[in-house]
Amino acid sequence: MPSEPQPKGTYTLDLKHPALHLSVLPDALFVHRFPRGHAVPSAFLDAGDAFVSVTRTKDEVSVVADKAATEAALGKAEQLGGPWAALKIAGPLEHHMVGVLSQLSQVLKDAKISIFAISTWDTDYVLVTRDTLAGAKAELLEAGWVFDA
């Protein structure tokens, strides 16, 4: 991975760089959909160090959370999807890095594996259904991505 941005069209990712290594989060995640304007249940906001991602738009409120937070909020969502497995890109990813999520998702697209992507300031998480995790991991390894234990 270069230390400074390259001219447009010349950027390549070094999949061996530690910031691009992948890991699988240990807990299954679930996606909750609430109607627009719905308050986020406190079970998600009080989840400690558990994985919780909240997205609010004019159309809906979506929450991605682990099983413990999900069980505490059961019955409150309009829709609930999962279980999902989260692939974490180690990061931190510098904001000039172009194509990280695109390159990873292209491998999974070619393998016909659906994804749900979540980005934070430091990194990206790519969710795949638990039943496609082994296939996703195999495809990514074959494409040169590195998984940490």
N, C-alpha and C. Protein backbone atom coordinates (compact mmCIF):
# COMPACT_ATOMS: atom_id res chain seq x y z
N MET A 1 0.86 -1.17 0.00
CA MET A 1 0.00 0.00 0.00
C MET A 1 0.90 1.23 0.00
N PRO A 2 0.70 2.14 -0.94
CA PRO A 2 1.57 3.31 -1.00
C PRO A 2 1.35 4.23 0.19
N SER A 3 2.42 4.98 0.54
CA SER A 3 2.32 5.89 1.67
C SER A 3 1.69 7.22 1.27
N GLU A 4 1.61 7.48 -0.01
CA GLU A 4 0.96 8.70 -0.48
C GLU A 4 0.08 8.37 -1.67
N PRO A 5 -0.93 9.19 -1.93
CA PRO A 5 -1.83 8.90 -3.05
C PRO A 5 -1.08 8.86 -4.38
N GLN A 6 -1.50 7.96 -5.25
CA GLN A 6 -0.93 7.88 -6.58
C GLN A 6 -1.84 8.64 -7.54
N PRO A 7 -1.33 8.97 -8.73
CA PRO A 7 -2.19 9.64 -9.70
C PRO A 7 -3.42 8.79 -10.02
N LYS A 8 -4.51 9.47 -10.35
CA LYS A 8 -5.77 8.79 -10.65
C LYS A 8 -5.54 7.70 -11.70
N GLY A 9 -6.13 6.54 -11.44
CA GLY A 9 -6.03 5.43 -12.37
C GLY A 9 -4.83 4.53 -12.15
N THR A 10 -3.93 4.87 -11.22
CA THR A 10 -2.74 4.04 -11.01
C THR A 10 -2.73 3.38 -9.64
N TYR A 11 -3.75 3.59 -8.83
CA TYR A 11 -3.76 3.07 -7.47
C TYR A 11 -4.04 1.58 -7.47
N THR A 12 -3.21 0.82 -6.78
CA THR A 12 -3.46 -0.61 -6.61
C THR A 12 -3.40 -0.93 -5.12
N LEU A 13 -4.17 -1.91 -4.73
CA LEU A 13 -4.20 -2.32 -3.33
C LEU A 13 -3.21 -3.45 -3.10
N ASP A 14 -2.49 -3.36 -2.01
CA ASP A 14 -1.59 -4.43 -1.59
C ASP A 14 -2.34 -5.26 -0.55
N LEU A 15 -2.95 -6.36 -0.98
CA LEU A 15 -3.78 -7.16 -0.09
C LEU A 15 -2.99 -7.80 1.04
N LYS A 16 -1.68 -7.78 0.96
CA LYS A 16 -0.84 -8.34 2.04
C LYS A 16 -0.62 -7.32 3.16
N HIS A 17 -0.95 -6.06 2.91
CA HIS A 17 -0.75 -5.01 3.92
C HIS A 17 -1.65 -5.30 5.12
N PRO A 18 -1.12 -5.22 6.35
CA PRO A 18 -1.92 -5.53 7.55
C PRO A 18 -3.23 -4.76 7.67
N ALA A 19 -3.30 -3.54 7.14
CA ALA A 19 -4.54 -2.77 7.22
C ALA A 19 -5.66 -3.38 6.39
N LEU A 20 -5.29 -4.23 5.42
CA LEU A 20 -6.29 -4.86 4.56
C LEU A 20 -6.58 -6.31 4.95
N HIS A 21 -5.95 -6.80 5.99
CA HIS A 21 -6.24 -8.16 6.44
C HIS A 21 -7.69 -8.24 6.92
N LEU A 22 -8.26 -9.40 6.77
CA LEU A 22 -9.65 -9.63 7.15
C LEU A 22 -9.73 -10.51 8.40
N SER A 23 -10.80 -10.32 9.13
CA SER A 23 -11.12 -11.22 10.24
C SER A 23 -12.64 -11.38 10.26
N VAL A 24 -13.08 -12.45 10.88
CA VAL A 24 -14.52 -12.70 11.02
C VAL A 24 -14.89 -12.41 12.46
N LEU A 25 -15.84 -11.50 12.66
CA LEU A 25 -16.29 -11.22 14.02
C LEU A 25 -16.91 -12.48 14.60
N PRO A 26 -16.72 -12.73 15.89
CA PRO A 26 -17.17 -13.99 16.48
C PRO A 26 -18.69 -14.13 16.61
N ASP A 27 -19.40 -13.03 16.75
CA ASP A 27 -20.84 -13.12 17.00
C ASP A 27 -21.65 -12.91 15.73
N ALA A 28 -22.75 -13.65 15.63
CA ALA A 28 -23.70 -13.44 14.54
C ALA A 28 -24.35 -12.07 14.70
N LEU A 29 -24.65 -11.43 13.58
CA LEU A 29 -25.31 -10.13 13.60
C LEU A 29 -26.68 -10.23 12.96
N PHE A 30 -27.55 -9.32 13.36
CA PHE A 30 -28.92 -9.28 12.84
C PHE A 30 -29.23 -7.85 12.41
N VAL A 31 -30.00 -7.72 11.32
CA VAL A 31 -30.38 -6.41 10.80
C VAL A 31 -31.84 -6.17 11.15
N HIS A 32 -32.07 -5.05 11.83
CA HIS A 32 -33.41 -4.66 12.27
C HIS A 32 -33.87 -3.48 11.44
N ARG A 33 -35.13 -3.50 11.00
CA ARG A 33 -35.70 -2.35 10.29
C ARG A 33 -36.85 -1.81 11.11
N PHE A 34 -36.76 -0.51 11.39
CA PHE A 34 -37.82 0.19 12.11
C PHE A 34 -38.41 1.25 11.18
N PRO A 35 -39.67 1.62 11.41
CA PRO A 35 -40.26 2.67 10.56
C PRO A 35 -39.56 4.01 10.79
N ARG A 36 -39.68 4.88 9.82
CA ARG A 36 -39.04 6.20 9.94
C ARG A 36 -39.50 6.89 11.21
N GLY A 37 -38.58 7.60 11.81
CA GLY A 37 -38.90 8.35 13.01
C GLY A 37 -38.94 7.53 14.28
N HIS A 38 -38.82 6.21 14.17
CA HIS A 38 -38.88 5.34 15.35
C HIS A 38 -37.65 5.57 16.23
N ALA A 39 -37.86 5.62 17.51
CA ALA A 39 -36.73 5.75 18.44
C ALA A 39 -35.93 4.45 18.45
N VAL A 40 -34.63 4.58 18.53
CA VAL A 40 -33.77 3.40 18.60
C VAL A 40 -33.92 2.81 20.00
N PRO A 41 -34.32 1.53 20.11
CA PRO A 41 -34.48 0.91 21.42
C PRO A 41 -33.21 1.01 22.26
N SER A 42 -33.38 1.26 23.53
CA SER A 42 -32.24 1.45 24.43
C SER A 42 -31.34 0.21 24.50
N ALA A 43 -31.88 -0.97 24.23
CA ALA A 43 -31.06 -2.19 24.26
C ALA A 43 -29.88 -2.07 23.30
N PHE A 44 -30.06 -1.35 22.20
CA PHE A 44 -28.96 -1.17 21.26
C PHE A 44 -27.99 -0.11 21.74
N LEU A 45 -28.52 0.94 22.31
CA LEU A 45 -27.67 2.06 22.75
C LEU A 45 -26.88 1.72 24.00
N ASP A 46 -27.37 0.75 24.77
CA ASP A 46 -26.71 0.35 26.02
C ASP A 46 -25.96 -0.98 25.87
N ALA A 47 -25.52 -1.30 24.67
CA ALA A 47 -24.94 -2.61 24.38
C ALA A 47 -23.45 -2.73 24.73
N GLY A 48 -22.89 -1.74 25.38
CA GLY A 48 -21.48 -1.82 25.77
C GLY A 48 -20.56 -1.89 24.56
N ASP A 49 -19.66 -2.88 24.55
CA ASP A 49 -18.71 -3.03 23.46
C ASP A 49 -19.24 -3.90 22.32
N ALA A 50 -20.49 -4.31 22.40
CA ALA A 50 -21.07 -5.15 21.35
C ALA A 50 -21.14 -4.37 20.04
N PHE A 51 -21.15 -5.10 18.93
CA PHE A 51 -21.26 -4.45 17.62
C PHE A 51 -22.69 -3.94 17.46
N VAL A 52 -22.81 -2.64 17.26
CA VAL A 52 -24.11 -2.01 16.97
C VAL A 52 -23.85 -0.90 15.97
N SER A 53 -24.61 -0.90 14.88
CA SER A 53 -24.53 0.17 13.90
C SER A 53 -25.94 0.68 13.67
N VAL A 54 -26.13 2.00 13.81
CA VAL A 54 -27.44 2.62 13.64
C VAL A 54 -27.39 3.55 12.44
N THR A 55 -28.35 3.40 11.53
CA THR A 55 -28.48 4.31 10.39
C THR A 55 -29.91 4.82 10.37
N ARG A 56 -30.03 6.14 10.37
CA ARG A 56 -31.35 6.77 10.33
C ARG A 56 -31.42 7.61 9.06
N THR A 57 -32.47 7.40 8.26
CA THR A 57 -32.72 8.21 7.07
C THR A 57 -34.15 8.74 7.15
N LYS A 58 -34.55 9.49 6.14
CA LYS A 58 -35.93 9.99 6.14
C LYS A 58 -36.93 8.86 5.93
N ASP A 59 -36.46 7.71 5.47
CA ASP A 59 -37.35 6.59 5.15
C ASP A 59 -37.41 5.50 6.21
N GLU A 60 -36.34 5.34 6.97
CA GLU A 60 -36.30 4.21 7.90
C GLU A 60 -35.21 4.39 8.94
N VAL A 61 -35.23 3.50 9.90
CA VAL A 61 -34.15 3.36 10.88
C VAL A 61 -33.69 1.91 10.80
N SER A 62 -32.40 1.71 10.53
CA SER A 62 -31.84 0.36 10.48
C SER A 62 -30.80 0.22 11.58
N VAL A 63 -30.84 -0.93 12.23
CA VAL A 63 -29.87 -1.22 13.28
C VAL A 63 -29.28 -2.60 13.00
N VAL A 64 -27.97 -2.69 13.04
CA VAL A 64 -27.28 -3.98 12.94
C VAL A 64 -26.67 -4.23 14.31
N ALA A 65 -26.98 -5.39 14.88
CA ALA A 65 -26.52 -5.67 16.24
C ALA A 65 -26.30 -7.16 16.44
N ASP A 66 -25.53 -7.47 17.47
CA ASP A 66 -25.26 -8.87 17.79
C ASP A 66 -26.47 -9.52 18.47
N LYS A 67 -26.35 -10.81 18.73
CA LYS A 67 -27.48 -11.59 19.24
C LYS A 67 -27.98 -11.10 20.60
N ALA A 68 -27.07 -10.75 21.50
CA ALA A 68 -27.49 -10.32 22.84
C ALA A 68 -28.34 -9.06 22.77
N ALA A 69 -27.89 -8.07 22.00
CA ALA A 69 -28.67 -6.84 21.86
C ALA A 69 -29.96 -7.11 21.11
N THR A 70 -29.92 -8.03 20.15
CA THR A 70 -31.11 -8.38 19.39
C THR A 70 -32.15 -9.02 20.29
N GLU A 71 -31.72 -9.94 21.15
CA GLU A 71 -32.68 -10.59 22.06
C GLU A 71 -33.32 -9.59 23.00
N ALA A 72 -32.56 -8.59 23.43
CA ALA A 72 -33.10 -7.57 24.34
C ALA A 72 -34.12 -6.67 23.64
N ALA A 73 -34.07 -6.61 22.31
CA ALA A 73 -34.98 -5.74 21.56
C ALA A 73 -35.99 -6.52 20.72
N LEU A 74 -36.11 -7.82 20.94
CA LEU A 74 -37.02 -8.64 20.14
C LEU A 74 -38.44 -8.10 20.15
N GLY A 75 -39.07 -8.20 18.99
CA GLY A 75 -40.47 -7.80 18.88
C GLY A 75 -40.66 -6.32 18.63
N LYS A 76 -39.60 -5.56 18.59
CA LYS A 76 -39.74 -4.11 18.40
C LYS A 76 -39.53 -3.69 16.96
N ALA A 77 -38.86 -4.50 16.15
CA ALA A 77 -38.57 -4.15 14.76
C ALA A 77 -39.70 -4.58 13.84
N GLU A 78 -39.88 -3.83 12.74
CA GLU A 78 -40.83 -4.21 11.69
C GLU A 78 -40.36 -5.47 10.98
N GLN A 79 -39.05 -5.50 10.71
CA GLN A 79 -38.45 -6.63 10.03
C GLN A 79 -37.13 -6.96 10.71
N LEU A 80 -36.77 -8.24 10.64
CA LEU A 80 -35.53 -8.71 11.25
C LEU A 80 -34.89 -9.70 10.30
N GLY A 81 -33.63 -9.46 9.96
CA GLY A 81 -32.92 -10.35 9.05
C GLY A 81 -31.64 -10.87 9.68
N GLY A 82 -31.31 -12.09 9.34
CA GLY A 82 -30.07 -12.67 9.85
C GLY A 82 -30.25 -14.14 10.09
N PRO A 83 -29.27 -14.79 10.58
CA PRO A 83 -28.00 -14.26 11.08
C PRO A 83 -27.01 -13.96 9.94
N TRP A 84 -26.22 -12.93 10.17
CA TRP A 84 -25.16 -12.52 9.26
C TRP A 84 -23.81 -12.73 9.96
N ALA A 85 -22.78 -12.95 9.15
CA ALA A 85 -21.40 -12.99 9.64
C ALA A 85 -20.72 -11.73 9.14
N ALA A 86 -19.92 -11.10 9.99
CA ALA A 86 -19.24 -9.86 9.61
C ALA A 86 -17.77 -10.11 9.33
N LEU A 87 -17.35 -9.71 8.14
CA LEU A 87 -15.94 -9.71 7.77
C LEU A 87 -15.44 -8.30 8.03
N LYS A 88 -14.44 -8.17 8.88
CA LYS A 88 -13.89 -6.86 9.21
C LYS A 88 -12.58 -6.66 8.46
N ILE A 89 -12.45 -5.53 7.79
CA ILE A 89 -11.18 -5.15 7.21
C ILE A 89 -10.40 -4.49 8.34
N ALA A 90 -9.20 -4.95 8.62
CA ALA A 90 -8.47 -4.54 9.82
C ALA A 90 -8.39 -3.03 10.01
N GLY A 91 -8.02 -2.31 8.96
CA GLY A 91 -7.89 -0.87 9.08
C GLY A 91 -6.72 -0.48 9.98
N PRO A 92 -6.58 0.79 10.29
CA PRO A 92 -7.45 1.84 9.76
C PRO A 92 -7.19 2.06 8.27
N LEU A 93 -8.27 2.38 7.56
CA LEU A 93 -8.19 2.66 6.13
C LEU A 93 -8.11 4.16 5.94
N GLU A 94 -7.08 4.59 5.26
CA GLU A 94 -6.95 6.02 4.99
C GLU A 94 -7.96 6.41 3.92
N HIS A 95 -8.49 7.60 4.03
CA HIS A 95 -9.60 8.01 3.16
C HIS A 95 -9.19 8.21 1.71
N HIS A 96 -7.90 8.27 1.41
CA HIS A 96 -7.48 8.36 0.01
C HIS A 96 -7.41 6.98 -0.65
N MET A 97 -7.55 5.93 0.12
CA MET A 97 -7.49 4.58 -0.45
C MET A 97 -8.74 4.35 -1.28
N VAL A 98 -8.53 4.04 -2.54
CA VAL A 98 -9.64 3.90 -3.47
C VAL A 98 -9.86 2.43 -3.80
N GLY A 99 -11.10 1.97 -3.70
CA GLY A 99 -11.46 0.66 -4.21
C GLY A 99 -11.39 -0.51 -3.26
N VAL A 100 -11.16 -0.27 -1.98
CA VAL A 100 -11.06 -1.39 -1.04
C VAL A 100 -12.36 -2.18 -1.01
N LEU A 101 -13.44 -1.51 -0.71
CA LEU A 101 -14.74 -2.18 -0.63
C LEU A 101 -15.16 -2.70 -2.00
N SER A 102 -14.87 -1.95 -3.04
CA SER A 102 -15.21 -2.38 -4.39
C SER A 102 -14.50 -3.67 -4.77
N GLN A 103 -13.20 -3.75 -4.49
CA GLN A 103 -12.44 -4.94 -4.85
C GLN A 103 -12.92 -6.16 -4.07
N LEU A 104 -13.16 -5.97 -2.78
CA LEU A 104 -13.63 -7.09 -1.96
C LEU A 104 -15.03 -7.54 -2.41
N SER A 105 -15.91 -6.59 -2.63
CA SER A 105 -17.28 -6.95 -3.00
C SER A 105 -17.34 -7.56 -4.40
N GLN A 106 -16.41 -7.18 -5.29
CA GLN A 106 -16.40 -7.76 -6.64
C GLN A 106 -16.12 -9.27 -6.57
N VAL A 107 -15.22 -9.66 -5.68
CA VAL A 107 -14.93 -11.10 -5.52
C VAL A 107 -16.20 -11.83 -5.10
N LEU A 108 -16.92 -11.27 -4.15
CA LEU A 108 -18.14 -11.92 -3.67
C LEU A 108 -19.26 -11.85 -4.70
N LYS A 109 -19.33 -10.77 -5.46
CA LYS A 109 -20.32 -10.67 -6.54
C LYS A 109 -20.09 -11.78 -7.56
N ASP A 110 -18.83 -11.95 -7.95
CA ASP A 110 -18.50 -12.98 -8.94
C ASP A 110 -18.87 -14.37 -8.43
N ALA A 111 -18.84 -14.56 -7.11
CA ALA A 111 -19.21 -15.84 -6.50
C ALA A 111 -20.71 -15.91 -6.18
N LYS A 112 -21.44 -14.86 -6.56
CA LYS A 112 -22.89 -14.78 -6.32
C LYS A 112 -23.24 -14.83 -4.83
N ILE A 113 -22.40 -14.15 -4.04
CA ILE A 113 -22.63 -14.05 -2.59
C ILE A 113 -23.08 -12.63 -2.28
N SER A 114 -24.27 -12.51 -1.74
CA SER A 114 -24.84 -11.22 -1.40
C SER A 114 -24.14 -10.62 -0.19
N ILE A 115 -24.01 -9.29 -0.18
CA ILE A 115 -23.36 -8.61 0.94
C ILE A 115 -24.24 -7.50 1.49
N PHE A 116 -23.91 -7.09 2.69
CA PHE A 116 -24.48 -5.92 3.36
C PHE A 116 -23.27 -5.20 3.94
N ALA A 117 -22.97 -4.02 3.43
CA ALA A 117 -21.74 -3.32 3.83
C ALA A 117 -22.02 -2.21 4.83
N ILE A 118 -21.11 -2.06 5.78
CA ILE A 118 -21.18 -1.00 6.78
C ILE A 118 -19.79 -0.37 6.87
N SER A 119 -19.75 0.95 6.81
CA SER A 119 -18.48 1.65 6.93
C SER A 119 -18.45 2.50 8.18
N THR A 120 -17.28 2.58 8.79
CA THR A 120 -17.04 3.48 9.91
C THR A 120 -15.91 4.41 9.49
N TRP A 121 -15.51 5.30 10.37
CA TRP A 121 -14.40 6.20 10.04
C TRP A 121 -13.14 5.40 9.73
N ASP A 122 -12.85 4.36 10.52
CA ASP A 122 -11.59 3.62 10.41
C ASP A 122 -11.59 2.47 9.42
N THR A 123 -12.75 1.86 9.19
CA THR A 123 -12.72 0.63 8.40
C THR A 123 -14.09 0.31 7.80
N ASP A 124 -14.14 -0.84 7.13
CA ASP A 124 -15.38 -1.34 6.55
C ASP A 124 -15.66 -2.73 7.11
N TYR A 125 -16.93 -3.04 7.18
CA TYR A 125 -17.40 -4.37 7.56
C TYR A 125 -18.27 -4.86 6.41
N VAL A 126 -18.06 -6.09 6.00
CA VAL A 126 -18.88 -6.68 4.95
C VAL A 126 -19.59 -7.87 5.56
N LEU A 127 -20.92 -7.80 5.58
CA LEU A 127 -21.72 -8.87 6.15
C LEU A 127 -22.15 -9.81 5.05
N VAL A 128 -22.04 -11.10 5.33
CA VAL A 128 -22.55 -12.16 4.45
C VAL A 128 -23.42 -13.05 5.31
N THR A 129 -24.39 -13.71 4.70
CA THR A 129 -25.22 -14.60 5.50
C THR A 129 -24.35 -15.72 6.05
N ARG A 130 -24.71 -16.20 7.24
CA ARG A 130 -23.89 -17.22 7.90
C ARG A 130 -23.71 -18.45 7.02
N ASP A 131 -24.73 -18.79 6.23
CA ASP A 131 -24.63 -19.98 5.40
C ASP A 131 -23.71 -19.79 4.19
N THR A 132 -23.29 -18.56 3.89
CA THR A 132 -22.36 -18.33 2.78
C THR A 132 -20.95 -17.97 3.28
N LEU A 133 -20.74 -17.95 4.59
CA LEU A 133 -19.46 -17.53 5.14
C LEU A 133 -18.29 -18.38 4.64
N ALA A 134 -18.42 -19.69 4.69
CA ALA A 134 -17.30 -20.55 4.26
C ALA A 134 -16.96 -20.30 2.80
N GLY A 135 -17.97 -20.18 1.96
CA GLY A 135 -17.73 -19.91 0.54
C GLY A 135 -17.11 -18.54 0.33
N ALA A 136 -17.59 -17.54 1.07
CA ALA A 136 -17.04 -16.19 0.95
C ALA A 136 -15.56 -16.18 1.33
N LYS A 137 -15.26 -16.83 2.43
CA LYS A 137 -13.87 -16.88 2.89
C LYS A 137 -12.98 -17.58 1.86
N ALA A 138 -13.44 -18.69 1.32
CA ALA A 138 -12.66 -19.43 0.32
C ALA A 138 -12.41 -18.58 -0.93
N GLU A 139 -13.43 -17.89 -1.39
CA GLU A 139 -13.29 -17.04 -2.58
C GLU A 139 -12.32 -15.89 -2.34
N LEU A 140 -12.41 -15.28 -1.18
CA LEU A 140 -11.53 -14.16 -0.86
C LEU A 140 -10.08 -14.62 -0.73
N LEU A 141 -9.86 -15.76 -0.09
CA LEU A 141 -8.51 -16.31 0.02
C LEU A 141 -7.93 -16.59 -1.37
N GLU A 142 -8.74 -17.17 -2.23
CA GLU A 142 -8.29 -17.47 -3.58
C GLU A 142 -7.94 -16.20 -4.36
N ALA A 143 -8.64 -15.11 -4.05
CA ALA A 143 -8.39 -13.83 -4.73
C ALA A 143 -7.22 -13.06 -4.12
N GLY A 144 -6.59 -13.62 -3.07
CA GLY A 144 -5.40 -12.99 -2.50
C GLY A 144 -5.61 -12.23 -1.21
N TRP A 145 -6.83 -12.18 -0.70
CA TRP A 145 -7.08 -11.52 0.59
C TRP A 145 -6.50 -12.39 1.69
N VAL A 146 -6.10 -11.78 2.78
CA VAL A 146 -5.47 -12.49 3.90
C VAL A 146 -6.40 -12.42 5.10
N PHE A 147 -6.62 -13.56 5.74
CA PHE A 147 -7.42 -13.62 6.97
C PHE A 147 -6.50 -13.79 8.16
N ASP A 148 -6.71 -12.97 9.18
CA ASP A 148 -6.02 -13.15 10.45
C ASP A 148 -6.83 -14.12 11.29
N ALA A 149 -6.16 -14.83 12.18
CA ALA A 149 -6.85 -15.80 13.03
C ALA A 149 -7.80 -15.13 13.99
